[in-house]
Amino acid sequence: MATGYVGILTVELHFPENGSLKGKRKYVKSTKAHLHERFRASVAEVDHHDLWQRSTLTVACAAREHGELRDLLDAVVRYLGSQDFELMRADREVIVPGER
């Protein structure tokens, strides 16, 4: 019996209108806060720290049921795709704690 599910979403974002690292930090900080508030997700910027038009974020969510997690990750992707920046790619992985 499953003890829940953990979804890991790795997303690459492009900020075509941005012209500085300061501007990028504003986008990333705001996006991380919105993902946490809206989806209760844990978010970290994991790549492209020194590029001002690009960022890779890892988003982690947990749910009791697989379908609930799938819907949650789909909602995160839809949300990111509707923002003022471009969602270049979104890769997902689902982990069941205790299974190897």
Protein backbone atom coordinates (compact mmCIF):
# COMPACT_ATOMS: atom_id res chain seq x y z
CA MET A 1 0.00 0.00 0.00
CA ALA A 2 1.35 3.39 -0.99
CA THR A 3 2.14 5.96 1.68
CA GLY A 4 1.59 8.87 -0.67
CA TYR A 5 3.28 10.28 -3.73
CA VAL A 6 5.92 12.92 -4.30
CA GLY A 7 6.06 14.77 -7.61
CA ILE A 8 9.20 16.45 -8.82
CA LEU A 9 8.84 18.90 -11.66
CA THR A 10 11.90 20.42 -13.33
CA VAL A 11 11.03 23.48 -15.40
CA GLU A 12 13.13 25.71 -17.59
CA LEU A 13 11.97 29.31 -17.83
CA HIS A 14 12.94 32.01 -20.31
CA PHE A 15 12.52 35.72 -19.58
CA PRO A 16 12.76 37.34 -23.04
CA GLU A 17 12.01 40.89 -21.86
CA ASN A 18 14.45 40.80 -18.96
CA GLY A 19 17.73 42.70 -19.13
CA SER A 20 19.51 42.06 -15.84
CA LEU A 21 20.17 39.56 -13.07
CA LYS A 22 18.25 41.85 -10.71
CA GLY A 23 15.19 41.62 -12.96
CA LYS A 24 15.54 37.86 -13.19
CA ARG A 25 15.73 37.56 -9.39
CA LYS A 26 12.46 39.49 -9.18
CA TYR A 27 10.74 37.02 -11.54
CA VAL A 28 12.20 33.97 -9.80
CA LYS A 29 11.43 35.18 -6.27
CA SER A 30 7.85 36.05 -7.21
CA THR A 31 7.32 32.75 -9.04
CA LYS A 32 8.68 30.71 -6.13
CA ALA A 33 6.40 32.56 -3.68
CA HIS A 34 3.32 32.09 -5.87
CA LEU A 35 4.00 28.38 -6.33
CA HIS A 36 4.38 27.94 -2.60
CA GLU A 37 1.24 29.94 -1.76
CA ARG A 38 -0.96 28.52 -4.50
CA PHE A 39 0.18 24.88 -4.60
CA ARG A 40 2.07 24.43 -1.30
CA ALA A 41 5.07 23.45 -3.39
CA SER A 42 8.71 23.57 -2.35
CA VAL A 43 10.74 25.34 -5.03
CA ALA A 44 14.45 25.86 -5.65
CA GLU A 45 16.37 27.51 -8.46
CA VAL A 46 18.83 24.79 -9.51
CA ASP A 47 20.57 26.04 -12.65
CA HIS A 48 21.46 29.07 -14.77
CA HIS A 49 22.15 31.28 -11.75
CA ASP A 50 24.42 33.60 -13.75
CA LEU A 51 22.18 33.98 -16.84
CA TRP A 52 19.73 36.87 -16.79
CA GLN A 53 17.15 35.46 -19.24
CA ARG A 54 17.03 31.84 -18.13
CA SER A 55 16.31 29.80 -15.01
CA THR A 56 15.73 26.18 -14.08
CA LEU A 57 13.51 25.48 -11.10
CA THR A 58 12.77 22.23 -9.32
CA VAL A 59 9.27 22.07 -7.85
CA ALA A 60 8.28 19.37 -5.35
CA CYS A 61 4.71 18.51 -4.31
CA ALA A 62 3.21 15.72 -2.25
CA ALA A 63 -0.24 14.14 -2.40
CA ARG A 64 -2.05 11.16 -0.96
CA GLU A 65 -3.30 9.79 -4.29
CA HIS A 66 -1.52 9.43 -7.64
CA GLY A 67 -4.35 11.11 -9.56
CA GLU A 68 -4.37 14.02 -7.12
CA LEU A 69 -0.63 14.47 -7.63
CA ARG A 70 -0.97 14.28 -11.43
CA ASP A 71 -3.67 16.98 -11.32
CA LEU A 72 -1.53 19.14 -9.04
CA LEU A 73 1.52 18.92 -11.31
CA ASP A 74 -0.67 19.65 -14.36
CA ALA A 75 -2.00 22.76 -12.58
CA VAL A 76 1.55 23.93 -11.80
CA VAL A 77 2.53 23.55 -15.46
CA ARG A 78 -0.60 25.41 -16.61
CA TYR A 79 0.10 28.19 -14.12
CA LEU A 80 3.72 28.58 -15.25
CA GLY A 81 2.64 28.52 -18.90
CA SER A 82 0.25 31.42 -18.31
CA GLN A 83 2.83 33.86 -16.90
CA ASP A 84 4.72 36.78 -18.49
CA PHE A 85 7.71 34.54 -19.17
CA GLU A 86 8.09 31.48 -21.39
CA LEU A 87 7.91 27.93 -20.06
CA MET A 88 10.49 26.21 -22.26
CA ARG A 89 10.18 22.67 -20.84
CA ALA A 90 8.69 20.76 -17.94
CA ASP A 91 9.92 17.30 -16.94
CA ARG A 92 8.16 15.35 -14.22
CA GLU A 93 8.98 12.43 -12.00
CA VAL A 94 6.73 10.69 -9.48
CA ILE A 95 8.22 8.94 -6.47
CA VAL A 96 6.47 6.55 -4.12
CA PRO A 97 8.23 6.66 -0.74
CA GLY A 98 9.39 3.24 0.34
CA GLU A 99 9.55 1.79 -3.20
CA ARG A 100 12.87 1.25 -4.88
